[in-house]
Amino acid sequence: MPATRFRTDSGSFSQRRDVAHASRPVLRFEATMLWLDEVPLATDATWLVRHDGRTVRAHFAAIAPAGADDEYDALAQVAQHTWIRAHIRLHAPLAVGAERRDVPTFVVIDESTHRAVAAGTIAA
């Protein structure tokens, strides 16, 4: 793999090897996330999901408390500062696994206010 040269904070040059990450386009994924907004998460609303520099519209297909068993409960809303597991359905594909991190992350954005309302990790 080619080495990339970059300038460090001290002004010197350093090298690192780029790591190849296989990405796969997905239209839905399972995630663990923290709901941050004061307005409760409503499963019937449309949200924006931002991952690896791309933003797409999305819906929450199913949600459950983060500590729940494998089955998803029929939660209609989620309150602020609640950890949840969610099945997220995207309106356009996202390339999951393309970032240069060990765990793919994403941000949920309110479509009407453009505020970040949640953040989480995508299950492998």
PDB file of N, CA and C in Angstrom:
ATOM      1  N   MET A   1       0.834  -1.165   0.000  1.00  0.00           N
ATOM      2  CA  MET A   1       0.000   0.000   0.000  1.00  0.00           C
ATOM      3  C   MET A   1       0.885   1.237   0.000  1.00  0.00           C
ATOM      4  N   PRO A   2       0.429   2.298  -0.649  1.00  0.00           N
ATOM      5  CA  PRO A   2       1.243   3.510  -0.682  1.00  0.00           C
ATOM      6  C   PRO A   2       1.272   4.196   0.671  1.00  0.00           C
ATOM      7  N   ALA A   3       2.385   4.826   0.956  1.00  0.00           N
ATOM      8  CA  ALA A   3       2.513   5.599   2.189  1.00  0.00           C
ATOM      9  C   ALA A   3       2.071   7.026   1.911  1.00  0.00           C
ATOM     10  N   THR A   4       1.440   7.648   2.881  1.00  0.00           N
ATOM     11  CA  THR A   4       0.985   9.026   2.755  1.00  0.00           C
ATOM     12  C   THR A   4       1.822   9.899   3.671  1.00  0.00           C
ATOM     13  N   ARG A   5       2.337  11.001   3.134  1.00  0.00           N
ATOM     14  CA  ARG A   5       3.101  11.941   3.953  1.00  0.00           C
ATOM     15  C   ARG A   5       2.165  13.028   4.440  1.00  0.00           C
ATOM     16  N   PHE A   6       2.280  13.382   5.704  1.00  0.00           N
ATOM     17  CA  PHE A   6       1.477  14.474   6.227  1.00  0.00           C
ATOM     18  C   PHE A   6       2.296  15.237   7.259  1.00  0.00           C
ATOM     19  N   ARG A   7       1.950  16.492   7.444  1.00  0.00           N
ATOM     20  CA  ARG A   7       2.656  17.358   8.389  1.00  0.00           C
ATOM     21  C   ARG A   7       2.027  17.201   9.769  1.00  0.00           C
ATOM     22  N   THR A   8       2.850  16.956  10.772  1.00  0.00           N
ATOM     23  CA  THR A   8       2.363  16.818  12.141  1.00  0.00           C
ATOM     24  C   THR A   8       2.212  18.191  12.770  1.00  0.00           C
ATOM     25  N   ASP A   9       1.656  18.253  13.980  1.00  0.00           N
ATOM     26  CA  ASP A   9       1.480  19.524  14.687  1.00  0.00           C
ATOM     27  C   ASP A   9       2.810  20.229  14.937  1.00  0.00           C
ATOM     28  N   SER A  10       3.868  19.452  15.094  1.00  0.00           N
ATOM     29  CA  SER A  10       5.178  20.056  15.356  1.00  0.00           C
ATOM     30  C   SER A  10       5.828  20.582  14.084  1.00  0.00           C
ATOM     31  N   GLY A  11       5.205  20.358  12.925  1.00  0.00           N
ATOM     32  CA  GLY A  11       5.742  20.868  11.672  1.00  0.00           C
ATOM     33  C   GLY A  11       6.597  19.868  10.914  1.00  0.00           C
ATOM     34  N   SER A  12       6.926  18.729  11.528  1.00  0.00           N
ATOM     35  CA  SER A  12       7.730  17.731  10.830  1.00  0.00           C
ATOM     36  C   SER A  12       6.828  16.840   9.979  1.00  0.00           C
ATOM     37  N   PHE A  13       7.428  16.137   9.035  1.00  0.00           N
ATOM     38  CA  PHE A  13       6.661  15.235   8.190  1.00  0.00           C
ATOM     39  C   PHE A  13       6.719  13.828   8.753  1.00  0.00           C
ATOM     40  N   SER A  14       5.649  13.116   8.591  1.00  0.00           N
ATOM     41  CA  SER A  14       5.576  11.746   9.049  1.00  0.00           C
ATOM     42  C   SER A  14       4.933  10.924   7.945  1.00  0.00           C
ATOM     43  N   GLN A  15       5.038   9.608   8.049  1.00  0.00           N
ATOM     44  CA  GLN A  15       4.412   8.741   7.061  1.00  0.00           C
ATOM     45  C   GLN A  15       3.504   7.761   7.769  1.00  0.00           C
ATOM     46  N   ARG A  16       2.443   7.394   7.093  1.00  0.00           N
ATOM     47  CA  ARG A  16       1.588   6.327   7.596  1.00  0.00           C
ATOM     48  C   ARG A  16       1.093   5.542   6.402  1.00  0.00           C
ATOM     49  N   ARG A  17       0.775   4.332   6.629  1.00  0.00           N
ATOM     50  CA  ARG A  17       0.241   3.489   5.568  1.00  0.00           C
ATOM     51  C   ARG A  17      -1.279   3.606   5.561  1.00  0.00           C
ATOM     52  N   ASP A  18      -1.835   3.810   4.383  1.00  0.00           N
ATOM     53  CA  ASP A  18      -3.298   3.828   4.272  1.00  0.00           C
ATOM     54  C   ASP A  18      -3.803   2.399   4.398  1.00  0.00           C
ATOM     55  N   VAL A  19      -4.851   2.241   5.184  1.00  0.00           N
ATOM     56  CA  VAL A  19      -5.430   0.929   5.384  1.00  0.00           C
ATOM     57  C   VAL A  19      -6.626   0.799   4.458  1.00  0.00           C
ATOM     58  N   ALA A  20      -6.673  -0.275   3.723  1.00  0.00           N
ATOM     59  CA  ALA A  20      -7.799  -0.488   2.814  1.00  0.00           C
ATOM     60  C   ALA A  20      -9.010  -0.942   3.622  1.00  0.00           C
ATOM     61  N   HIS A  21     -10.129  -0.280   3.444  1.00  0.00           N
ATOM     62  CA  HIS A  21     -11.373  -0.633   4.107  1.00  0.00           C
ATOM     63  C   HIS A  21     -12.393  -0.971   3.045  1.00  0.00           C
ATOM     64  N   ALA A  22     -12.958  -2.149   3.150  1.00  0.00           N
ATOM     65  CA  ALA A  22     -13.982  -2.543   2.196  1.00  0.00           C
ATOM     66  C   ALA A  22     -15.295  -1.893   2.593  1.00  0.00           C
ATOM     67  N   SER A  23     -15.947  -1.248   1.652  1.00  0.00           N
ATOM     68  CA  SER A  23     -17.240  -0.654   1.937  1.00  0.00           C
ATOM     69  C   SER A  23     -18.304  -1.418   1.174  1.00  0.00           C
ATOM     70  N   ARG A  24     -19.509  -1.388   1.721  1.00  0.00           N
ATOM     71  CA  ARG A  24     -20.627  -2.053   1.057  1.00  0.00           C
ATOM     72  C   ARG A  24     -21.827  -1.126   1.103  1.00  0.00           C
ATOM     73  N   PRO A  25     -22.498  -0.933  -0.014  1.00  0.00           N
ATOM     74  CA  PRO A  25     -23.676  -0.068  -0.002  1.00  0.00           C
ATOM     75  C   PRO A  25     -24.837  -0.772   0.697  1.00  0.00           C
ATOM     76  N   VAL A  26     -25.499  -0.059   1.583  1.00  0.00           N
ATOM     77  CA  VAL A  26     -26.627  -0.622   2.316  1.00  0.00           C
ATOM     78  C   VAL A  26     -27.818   0.334   2.245  1.00  0.00           C
ATOM     79  N   LEU A  27     -29.014  -0.250   2.320  1.00  0.00           N
ATOM     80  CA  LEU A  27     -30.246   0.534   2.383  1.00  0.00           C
ATOM     81  C   LEU A  27     -30.891   0.461   3.759  1.00  0.00           C
ATOM     82  N   ARG A  28     -30.354  -0.382   4.626  1.00  0.00           N
ATOM     83  CA  ARG A  28     -30.799  -0.460   6.012  1.00  0.00           C
ATOM     84  C   ARG A  28     -29.662  -0.985   6.854  1.00  0.00           C
ATOM     85  N   PHE A  29     -29.658  -0.594   8.124  1.00  0.00           N
ATOM     86  CA  PHE A  29     -28.646  -1.110   9.034  1.00  0.00           C
ATOM     87  C   PHE A  29     -29.178  -1.096  10.459  1.00  0.00           C
ATOM     88  N   GLU A  30     -28.531  -1.878  11.315  1.00  0.00           N
ATOM     89  CA  GLU A  30     -28.850  -1.887  12.737  1.00  0.00           C
ATOM     90  C   GLU A  30     -27.807  -1.046  13.452  1.00  0.00           C
ATOM     91  N   ALA A  31     -28.236  -0.312  14.472  1.00  0.00           N
ATOM     92  CA  ALA A  31     -27.323   0.604  15.143  1.00  0.00           C
ATOM     93  C   ALA A  31     -27.628   0.692  16.625  1.00  0.00           C
ATOM     94  N   THR A  32     -26.619   1.104  17.378  1.00  0.00           N
ATOM     95  CA  THR A  32     -26.774   1.498  18.766  1.00  0.00           C
ATOM     96  C   THR A  32     -26.535   2.997  18.806  1.00  0.00           C
ATOM     97  N   MET A  33     -27.441   3.737  19.422  1.00  0.00           N
ATOM     98  CA  MET A  33     -27.320   5.192  19.377  1.00  0.00           C
ATOM     99  C   MET A  33     -27.851   5.845  20.649  1.00  0.00           C
ATOM    100  N   LEU A  34     -27.430   7.075  20.850  1.00  0.00           N
ATOM    101  CA  LEU A  34     -27.884   7.889  21.968  1.00  0.00           C
ATOM    102  C   LEU A  34     -28.743   9.019  21.422  1.00  0.00           C
ATOM    103  N   TRP A  35     -29.999   9.076  21.873  1.00  0.00           N
ATOM    104  CA  TRP A  35     -30.908  10.139  21.461  1.00  0.00           C
ATOM    105  C   TRP A  35     -30.602  11.364  22.312  1.00  0.00           C
ATOM    106  N   LEU A  36     -30.273  12.503  21.692  1.00  0.00           N
ATOM    107  CA  LEU A  36     -29.805  13.689  22.396  1.00  0.00           C
ATOM    108  C   LEU A  36     -30.804  14.832  22.457  1.00  0.00           C
ATOM    109  N   ASP A  37     -31.800  14.804  21.607  1.00  0.00           N
ATOM    110  CA  ASP A  37     -32.697  15.950  21.486  1.00  0.00           C
ATOM    111  C   ASP A  37     -33.760  15.969  22.571  1.00  0.00           C
ATOM    112  N   GLU A  38     -34.252  17.184  22.877  1.00  0.00           N
ATOM    113  CA  GLU A  38     -35.349  17.345  23.837  1.00  0.00           C
ATOM    114  C   GLU A  38     -36.652  16.811  23.261  1.00  0.00           C
ATOM    115  N   VAL A  39     -36.805  16.929  21.944  1.00  0.00           N
ATOM    116  CA  VAL A  39     -37.998  16.417  21.274  1.00  0.00           C
ATOM    117  C   VAL A  39     -37.840  14.902  21.136  1.00  0.00           C
ATOM    118  N   PRO A  40     -38.827  14.119  21.582  1.00  0.00           N
ATOM    119  CA  PRO A  40     -38.700  12.663  21.512  1.00  0.00           C
ATOM    120  C   PRO A  40     -38.580  12.158  20.076  1.00  0.00           C
ATOM    121  N   LEU A  41     -37.868  11.062  19.907  1.00  0.00           N
ATOM    122  CA  LEU A  41     -37.756  10.399  18.609  1.00  0.00           C
ATOM    123  C   LEU A  41     -39.117   9.825  18.252  1.00  0.00           C
ATOM    124  N   ALA A  42     -39.625  10.153  17.093  1.00  0.00           N
ATOM    125  CA  ALA A  42     -40.887   9.609  16.603  1.00  0.00           C
ATOM    126  C   ALA A  42     -40.571   8.719  15.400  1.00  0.00           C
ATOM    127  N   THR A  43     -41.020   7.472  15.458  1.00  0.00           N
ATOM    128  CA  THR A  43     -40.688   6.529  14.381  1.00  0.00           C
ATOM    129  C   THR A  43     -41.377   6.852  13.072  1.00  0.00           C
ATOM    130  N   ASP A  44     -42.438   7.645  13.104  1.00  0.00           N
ATOM    131  CA  ASP A  44     -43.143   7.966  11.863  1.00  0.00           C
ATOM    132  C   ASP A  44     -42.569   9.195  11.154  1.00  0.00           C
ATOM    133  N   ALA A  45     -41.555   9.816  11.729  1.00  0.00           N
ATOM    134  CA  ALA A  45     -40.945  11.011  11.120  1.00  0.00           C
ATOM    135  C   ALA A  45     -39.818  10.616  10.165  1.00  0.00           C
ATOM    136  N   THR A  46     -39.466  11.548   9.279  1.00  0.00           N
ATOM    137  CA  THR A  46     -38.324  11.369   8.384  1.00  0.00           C
ATOM    138  C   THR A  46     -37.150  12.133   8.966  1.00  0.00           C
ATOM    139  N   TRP A  47     -35.979  11.488   8.998  1.00  0.00           N
ATOM    140  CA  TRP A  47     -34.767  12.069   9.560  1.00  0.00           C
ATOM    141  C   TRP A  47     -33.682  12.068   8.498  1.00  0.00           C
ATOM    142  N   LEU A  48     -32.604  12.767   8.752  1.00  0.00           N
ATOM    143  CA  LEU A  48     -31.421  12.715   7.902  1.00  0.00           C
ATOM    144  C   LEU A  48     -30.343  11.939   8.647  1.00  0.00           C
ATOM    145  N   VAL A  49     -29.662  11.037   7.942  1.00  0.00           N
ATOM    146  CA  VAL A  49     -28.553  10.283   8.526  1.00  0.00           C
ATOM    147  C   VAL A  49     -27.290  10.676   7.785  1.00  0.00           C
ATOM    148  N   ARG A  50     -26.281  11.088   8.541  1.00  0.00           N
ATOM    149  CA  ARG A  50     -24.991  11.480   7.956  1.00  0.00           C
ATOM    150  C   ARG A  50     -23.941  10.465   8.360  1.00  0.00           C
ATOM    151  N   HIS A  51     -23.284   9.891   7.351  1.00  0.00           N
ATOM    152  CA  HIS A  51     -22.236   8.891   7.572  1.00  0.00           C
ATOM    153  C   HIS A  51     -21.151   9.076   6.528  1.00  0.00           C
ATOM    154  N   ASP A  52     -19.931   9.192   6.969  1.00  0.00           N
ATOM    155  CA  ASP A  52     -18.769   9.251   6.085  1.00  0.00           C
ATOM    156  C   ASP A  52     -18.906  10.331   5.012  1.00  0.00           C
ATOM    157  N   GLY A  53     -19.419  11.509   5.415  1.00  0.00           N
ATOM    158  CA  GLY A  53     -19.504  12.640   4.502  1.00  0.00           C
ATOM    159  C   GLY A  53     -20.726  12.668   3.607  1.00  0.00           C
ATOM    160  N   ARG A  54     -21.633  11.722   3.737  1.00  0.00           N
ATOM    161  CA  ARG A  54     -22.830  11.684   2.897  1.00  0.00           C
ATOM    162  C   ARG A  54     -24.067  11.716   3.780  1.00  0.00           C
ATOM    163  N   THR A  55     -25.079  12.457   3.349  1.00  0.00           N
ATOM    164  CA  THR A  55     -26.326  12.576   4.104  1.00  0.00           C
ATOM    165  C   THR A  55     -27.476  12.062   3.256  1.00  0.00           C
ATOM    166  N   VAL A  56     -28.307  11.182   3.852  1.00  0.00           N
ATOM    167  CA  VAL A  56     -29.487  10.652   3.161  1.00  0.00           C
ATOM    168  C   VAL A  56     -30.682  10.704   4.107  1.00  0.00           C
ATOM    169  N   ARG A  57     -31.881  10.726   3.529  1.00  0.00           N
ATOM    170  CA  ARG A  57     -33.107  10.677   4.317  1.00  0.00           C
ATOM    171  C   ARG A  57     -33.295   9.259   4.839  1.00  0.00           C
ATOM    172  N   ALA A  58     -33.953   9.147   6.017  1.00  0.00           N
ATOM    173  CA  ALA A  58     -34.112   7.830   6.642  1.00  0.00           C
ATOM    174  C   ALA A  58     -35.344   7.797   7.538  1.00  0.00           C
ATOM    175  N   HIS A  59     -35.773   6.574   7.828  1.00  0.00           N
ATOM    176  CA  HIS A  59     -36.839   6.307   8.788  1.00  0.00           C
ATOM    177  C   HIS A  59     -36.338   5.256   9.779  1.00  0.00           C
ATOM    178  N   PHE A  60     -36.876   5.295  10.988  1.00  0.00           N
ATOM    179  CA  PHE A  60     -36.577   4.267  11.961  1.00  0.00           C
ATOM    180  C   PHE A  60     -37.607   3.161  11.797  1.00  0.00           C
ATOM    181  N   ALA A  61     -37.167   1.982  11.359  1.00  0.00           N
ATOM    182  CA  ALA A  61     -38.082   0.872  11.117  1.00  0.00           C
ATOM    183  C   ALA A  61     -38.480   0.199  12.424  1.00  0.00           C
ATOM    184  N   ALA A  62     -37.559   0.112  13.393  1.00  0.00           N
ATOM    185  CA  ALA A  62     -37.841  -0.495  14.694  1.00  0.00           C
ATOM    186  C   ALA A  62     -36.856   0.053  15.705  1.00  0.00           C
ATOM    187  N   ILE A  63     -37.320   0.236  16.948  1.00  0.00           N
ATOM    188  CA  ILE A  63     -36.435   0.712  18.008  1.00  0.00           C
ATOM    189  C   ILE A  63     -36.696  -0.086  19.276  1.00  0.00           C
ATOM    190  N   ALA A  64     -35.664  -0.180  20.116  1.00  0.00           N
ATOM    191  CA  ALA A  64     -35.762  -0.881  21.391  1.00  0.00           C
ATOM    192  C   ALA A  64     -34.757  -0.279  22.358  1.00  0.00           C
ATOM    193  N   PRO A  65     -34.994  -0.409  23.646  1.00  0.00           N
ATOM    194  CA  PRO A  65     -33.990   0.042  24.609  1.00  0.00           C
ATOM    195  C   PRO A  65     -32.680  -0.708  24.373  1.00  0.00           C
ATOM    196  N   ALA A  66     -31.551  -0.056  24.610  1.00  0.00           N
ATOM    197  CA  ALA A  66     -30.245  -0.660  24.314  1.00  0.00           C
ATOM    198  C   ALA A  66     -30.012  -1.943  25.090  1.00  0.00           C
ATOM    199  N   GLY A  67     -30.542  -2.089  26.280  1.00  0.00           N
ATOM    200  CA  GLY A  67     -30.322  -3.286  27.079  1.00  0.00           C
ATOM    201  C   GLY A  67     -31.349  -4.382  26.864  1.00  0.00           C
ATOM    202  N   ALA A  68     -32.255  -4.194  25.926  1.00  0.00           N
ATOM    203  CA  ALA A  68     -33.333  -5.164  25.707  1.00  0.00           C
ATOM    204  C   ALA A  68     -32.813  -6.424  25.039  1.00  0.00           C
ATOM    205  N   ASP A  69     -33.633  -7.479  25.092  1.00  0.00           N
ATOM    206  CA  ASP A  69     -33.285  -8.728  24.419  1.00  0.00           C
ATOM    207  C   ASP A  69     -33.228  -8.510  22.919  1.00  0.00           C
ATOM    208  N   ASP A  70     -33.036  -9.583  22.170  1.00  0.00           N
ATOM    209  CA  ASP A  70     -32.904  -9.492  20.718  1.00  0.00           C
ATOM    210  C   ASP A  70     -34.169  -8.978  20.033  1.00  0.00           C
ATOM    211  N   GLU A  71     -35.321  -9.139  20.653  1.00  0.00           N
ATOM    212  CA  GLU A  71     -36.552  -8.678  20.029  1.00  0.00           C
ATOM    213  C   GLU A  71     -36.723  -7.182  20.227  1.00  0.00           C
ATOM    214  N   TYR A  72     -37.251  -6.540  19.197  1.00  0.00           N
ATOM    215  CA  TYR A  72     -37.492  -5.103  19.259  1.00  0.00           C
ATOM    216  C   TYR A  72     -38.878  -4.842  19.814  1.00  0.00           C
ATOM    217  N   ASP A  73     -38.952  -3.927  20.770  1.00  0.00           N
ATOM    218  CA  ASP A  73     -40.238  -3.527  21.330  1.00  0.00           C
ATOM    219  C   ASP A  73     -40.898  -2.535  20.392  1.00  0.00           C
ATOM    220  N   ALA A  74     -42.170  -2.353  20.571  1.00  0.00           N
ATOM    221  CA  ALA A  74     -42.908  -1.398  19.743  1.00  0.00           C
ATOM    222  C   ALA A  74     -42.893  -0.029  20.417  1.00  0.00           C
ATOM    223  N   LEU A  75     -41.702   0.544  20.573  1.00  0.00           N
ATOM    224  CA  LEU A  75     -41.596   1.878  21.160  1.00  0.00           C
ATOM    225  C   LEU A  75     -42.049   2.905  20.132  1.00  0.00           C
ATOM    226  N   ALA A  76     -42.908   3.801  20.531  1.00  0.00           N
ATOM    227  CA  ALA A  76     -43.370   4.839  19.614  1.00  0.00           C
ATOM    228  C   ALA A  76     -42.499   6.083  19.710  1.00  0.00           C
ATOM    229  N   GLN A  77     -41.953   6.352  20.902  1.00  0.00           N
ATOM    230  CA  GLN A  77     -41.111   7.529  21.094  1.00  0.00           C
ATOM    231  C   GLN A  77     -39.965   7.192  22.037  1.00  0.00           C
ATOM    232  N   VAL A  78     -38.899   7.978  21.936  1.00  0.00           N
ATOM    233  CA  VAL A  78     -37.733   7.817  22.796  1.00  0.00           C
ATOM    234  C   VAL A  78     -37.416   9.177  23.396  1.00  0.00           C
ATOM    235  N   ALA A  79     -37.217   9.237  24.703  1.00  0.00           N
ATOM    236  CA  ALA A  79     -36.937  10.489  25.394  1.00  0.00           C
ATOM    237  C   ALA A  79     -35.460  10.866  25.287  1.00  0.00           C
ATOM    238  N   GLN A  80     -35.158  12.097  25.642  1.00  0.00           N
ATOM    239  CA  GLN A  80     -33.797  12.629  25.592  1.00  0.00           C
ATOM    240  C   GLN A  80     -32.852  11.805  26.474  1.00  0.00           C
ATOM    241  N   HIS A  81     -31.606  11.652  26.019  1.00  0.00           N
ATOM    242  CA  HIS A  81     -30.523  10.957  26.706  1.00  0.00           C
ATOM    243  C   HIS A  81     -30.823   9.480  26.941  1.00  0.00           C
ATOM    244  N   THR A  82     -31.459   8.846  25.973  1.00  0.00           N
ATOM    245  CA  THR A  82     -31.775   7.429  26.058  1.00  0.00           C
ATOM    246  C   THR A  82     -30.941   6.650  25.042  1.00  0.00           C
ATOM    247  N   TRP A  83     -30.301   5.570  25.513  1.00  0.00           N
ATOM    248  CA  TRP A  83     -29.580   4.667  24.610  1.00  0.00           C
ATOM    249  C   TRP A  83     -30.582   3.688  24.019  1.00  0.00           C
ATOM    250  N   ILE A  84     -30.529   3.519  22.697  1.00  0.00           N
ATOM    251  CA  ILE A  84     -31.448   2.602  22.017  1.00  0.00           C
ATOM    252  C   ILE A  84     -30.706   1.797  20.964  1.00  0.00           C
ATOM    253  N   ARG A  85     -31.348   0.697  20.562  1.00  0.00           N
ATOM    254  CA  ARG A  85     -30.956  -0.045  19.362  1.00  0.00           C
ATOM    255  C   ARG A  85     -32.016   0.260  18.317  1.00  0.00           C
ATOM    256  N   ALA A  86     -31.605   0.386  17.075  1.00  0.00           N
ATOM    257  CA  ALA A  86     -32.580   0.743  16.040  1.00  0.00           C
ATOM    258  C   ALA A  86     -32.249   0.074  14.716  1.00  0.00           C
ATOM    259  N   HIS A  87     -33.294  -0.267  13.979  1.00  0.00           N
ATOM    260  CA  HIS A  87     -33.176  -0.657  12.576  1.00  0.00           C
ATOM    261  C   HIS A  87     -33.512   0.605  11.791  1.00  0.00           C
ATOM    262  N   ILE A  88     -32.577   1.064  10.977  1.00  0.00           N
ATOM    263  CA  ILE A  88     -32.753   2.304  10.225  1.00  0.00           C
ATOM    264  C   ILE A  88     -32.871   1.973   8.742  1.00  0.00           C
ATOM    265  N   ARG A  89     -33.928   2.482   8.115  1.00  0.00           N
ATOM    266  CA  ARG A  89     -34.174   2.271   6.682  1.00  0.00           C
ATOM    267  C   ARG A  89     -33.826   3.554   5.953  1.00  0.00           C
ATOM    268  N   LEU A  90     -32.923   3.436   4.976  1.00  0.00           N
ATOM    269  CA  LEU A  90     -32.427   4.602   4.231  1.00  0.00           C
ATOM    270  C   LEU A  90     -33.179   4.773   2.925  1.00  0.00           C
ATOM    271  N   HIS A  91     -33.291   6.000   2.452  1.00  0.00           N
ATOM    272  CA  HIS A  91     -33.941   6.287   1.173  1.00  0.00           C
ATOM    273  C   HIS A  91     -32.965   6.182   0.008  1.00  0.00           C
ATOM    274  N   ALA A  92     -31.668   6.155   0.295  1.00  0.00           N
ATOM    275  CA  ALA A  92     -30.623   5.994  -0.716  1.00  0.00           C
ATOM    276  C   ALA A  92     -29.478   5.225  -0.060  1.00  0.00           C
ATOM    277  N   PRO A  93     -28.696   4.482  -0.833  1.00  0.00           N
ATOM    278  CA  PRO A  93     -27.637   3.677  -0.210  1.00  0.00           C
ATOM    279  C   PRO A  93     -26.496   4.513   0.375  1.00  0.00           C
ATOM    280  N   LEU A  94     -25.944   4.005   1.473  1.00  0.00           N
ATOM    281  CA  LEU A  94     -24.735   4.556   2.072  1.00  0.00           C
ATOM    282  C   LEU A  94     -23.658   3.484   2.022  1.00  0.00           C
ATOM    283  N   ALA A  95     -22.420   3.901   1.811  1.00  0.00           N
ATOM    284  CA  ALA A  95     -21.294   2.965   1.801  1.00  0.00           C
ATOM    285  C   ALA A  95     -20.808   2.801   3.231  1.00  0.00           C
ATOM    286  N   VAL A  96     -21.212   1.730   3.885  1.00  0.00           N
ATOM    287  CA  VAL A  96     -20.842   1.478   5.270  1.00  0.00           C
ATOM    288  C   VAL A  96     -19.499   0.758   5.302  1.00  0.00           C
ATOM    289  N   GLY A  97     -18.606   1.243   6.145  1.00  0.00           N
ATOM    290  CA  GLY A  97     -17.286   0.640   6.268  1.00  0.00           C
ATOM    291  C   GLY A  97     -16.227   1.392   5.491  1.00  0.00           C
ATOM    292  N   ALA A  98     -16.590   2.499   4.853  1.00  0.00           N
ATOM    293  CA  ALA A  98     -15.633   3.244   4.038  1.00  0.00           C
ATOM    294  C   ALA A  98     -14.785   4.204   4.856  1.00  0.00           C
ATOM    295  N   GLU A  99     -15.171   4.476   6.105  1.00  0.00           N
ATOM    296  CA  GLU A  99     -14.383   5.417   6.884  1.00  0.00           C
ATOM    297  C   GLU A  99     -13.087   4.790   7.377  1.00  0.00           C
ATOM    298  N   ARG A 100     -12.208   5.584   7.845  1.00  0.00           N
ATOM    299  CA  ARG A 100     -10.900   5.137   8.311  1.00  0.00           C
ATOM    300  C   ARG A 100     -10.906   4.948   9.827  1.00  0.00           C
ATOM    301  N   ARG A 101     -11.928   4.309  10.339  1.00  0.00           N
ATOM    302  CA  ARG A 101     -12.028   4.013  11.764  1.00  0.00           C
ATOM    303  C   ARG A 101     -12.407   2.551  11.924  1.00  0.00           C
ATOM    304  N   ASP A 102     -12.245   2.061  13.134  1.00  0.00           N
ATOM    305  CA  ASP A 102     -12.607   0.674  13.415  1.00  0.00           C
ATOM    306  C   ASP A 102     -14.112   0.476  13.458  1.00  0.00           C
ATOM    307  N   VAL A 103     -14.841   1.467  13.971  1.00  0.00           N
ATOM    308  CA  VAL A 103     -16.290   1.347  14.130  1.00  0.00           C
ATOM    309  C   VAL A 103     -16.967   2.433  13.306  1.00  0.00           C
ATOM    310  N   PRO A 104     -17.828   2.048  12.348  1.00  0.00           N
ATOM    311  CA  PRO A 104     -18.545   3.072  11.565  1.00  0.00           C
ATOM    312  C   PRO A 104     -19.530   3.844  12.450  1.00  0.00           C
ATOM    313  N   THR A 105     -19.530   5.147  12.324  1.00  0.00           N
ATOM    314  CA  THR A 105     -20.398   6.006  13.121  1.00  0.00           C
ATOM    315  C   THR A 105     -21.327   6.809  12.221  1.00  0.00           C
ATOM    316  N   PHE A 106     -22.368   7.370  12.821  1.00  0.00           N
ATOM    317  CA  PHE A 106     -23.302   8.194  12.070  1.00  0.00           C
ATOM    318  C   PHE A 106     -23.927   9.221  12.992  1.00  0.00           C
ATOM    319  N   VAL A 107     -24.551  10.222  12.400  1.00  0.00           N
ATOM    320  CA  VAL A 107     -25.274  11.261  13.126  1.00  0.00           C
ATOM    321  C   VAL A 107     -26.673  11.352  12.531  1.00  0.00           C
ATOM    322  N   VAL A 108     -27.673  11.514  13.392  1.00  0.00           N
ATOM    323  CA  VAL A 108     -29.051  11.720  12.950  1.00  0.00           C
ATOM    324  C   VAL A 108     -29.348  13.208  13.062  1.00  0.00           C
ATOM    325  N   ILE A 109     -29.918  13.769  11.997  1.00  0.00           N
ATOM    326  CA  ILE A 109     -30.190  15.198  11.917  1.00  0.00           C
ATOM    327  C   ILE A 109     -31.687  15.398  11.708  1.00  0.00           C
ATOM    328  N   ASP A 110     -32.260  16.342  12.440  1.00  0.00           N
ATOM    329  CA  ASP A 110     -33.669  16.690  12.269  1.00  0.00           C
ATOM    330  C   ASP A 110     -33.814  17.360  10.906  1.00  0.00           C
ATOM    331  N   GLU A 111     -34.682  16.820  10.070  1.00  0.00           N
ATOM    332  CA  GLU A 111     -34.837  17.318   8.702  1.00  0.00           C
ATOM    333  C   GLU A 111     -35.349  18.755   8.655  1.00  0.00           C
ATOM    334  N   SER A 112     -36.169  19.151   9.621  1.00  0.00           N
ATOM    335  CA  SER A 112     -36.753  20.499   9.580  1.00  0.00           C
ATOM    336  C   SER A 112     -35.845  21.569  10.200  1.00  0.00           C
ATOM    337  N   THR A 113     -35.114  21.226  11.270  1.00  0.00           N
ATOM    338  CA  THR A 113     -34.279  22.219  11.944  1.00  0.00           C
ATOM    339  C   THR A 113     -32.799  22.098  11.605  1.00  0.00           C
ATOM    340  N   HIS A 114     -32.398  20.975  11.022  1.00  0.00           N
ATOM    341  CA  HIS A 114     -31.001  20.668  10.687  1.00  0.00           C
ATOM    342  C   HIS A 114     -30.104  20.625  11.914  1.00  0.00           C
ATOM    343  N   ARG A 115     -30.680  20.267  13.060  1.00  0.00           N
ATOM    344  CA  ARG A 115     -29.896  20.081  14.281  1.00  0.00           C
ATOM    345  C   ARG A 115     -29.547  18.609  14.438  1.00  0.00           C
ATOM    346  N   ALA A 116     -28.342  18.327  14.946  1.00  0.00           N
ATOM    347  CA  ALA A 116     -27.962  16.953  15.266  1.00  0.00           C
ATOM    348  C   ALA A 116     -28.770  16.515  16.486  1.00  0.00           C
ATOM    349  N   VAL A 117     -29.494  15.399  16.364  1.00  0.00           N
ATOM    350  CA  VAL A 117     -30.371  14.957  17.439  1.00  0.00           C
ATOM    351  C   VAL A 117     -29.941  13.625  18.033  1.00  0.00           C
ATOM    352  N   ALA A 118     -29.036  12.905  17.370  1.00  0.00           N
ATOM    353  CA  ALA A 118     -28.571  11.616  17.876  1.00  0.00           C
ATOM    354  C   ALA A 118     -27.258  11.246  17.201  1.00  0.00           C
ATOM    355  N   ALA A 119     -26.522  10.347  17.865  1.00  0.00           N
ATOM    356  CA  ALA A 119     -25.276   9.834  17.299  1.00  0.00           C
ATOM    357  C   ALA A 119     -25.159   8.370  17.686  1.00  0.00           C
ATOM    358  N   GLY A 120     -24.509   7.591  16.837  1.00  0.00           N
ATOM    359  CA  GLY A 120     -24.401   6.175  17.149  1.00  0.00           C
ATOM    360  C   GLY A 120     -23.388   5.447  16.320  1.00  0.00           C
ATOM    361  N   THR A 121     -23.358   4.133  16.527  1.00  0.00           N
ATOM    362  CA  THR A 121     -22.459   3.250  15.786  1.00  0.00           C
ATOM    363  C   THR A 121     -23.280   2.246  14.996  1.00  0.00           C
ATOM    364  N   ILE A 122     -22.762   1.887  13.839  1.00  0.00           N
ATOM    365  CA  ILE A 122     -23.427   0.927  12.965  1.00  0.00           C
ATOM    366  C   ILE A 122     -22.918  -0.453  13.311  1.00  0.00           C
ATOM    367  N   ALA A 123     -23.839  -1.388  13.525  1.00  0.00           N
ATOM    368  CA  ALA A 123     -23.463  -2.768  13.855  1.00  0.00           C
ATOM    369  C   ALA A 123     -22.821  -3.426  12.645  1.00  0.00           C
ATOM    370  N   ALA A 124     -21.813  -4.232  12.923  1.00  0.00           N
ATOM    371  CA  ALA A 124     -21.086  -4.903  11.825  1.00  0.00           C
ATOM    372  C   ALA A 124     -21.904  -5.993  11.203  1.00  0.00           C
TER     373      ALA A 124
END
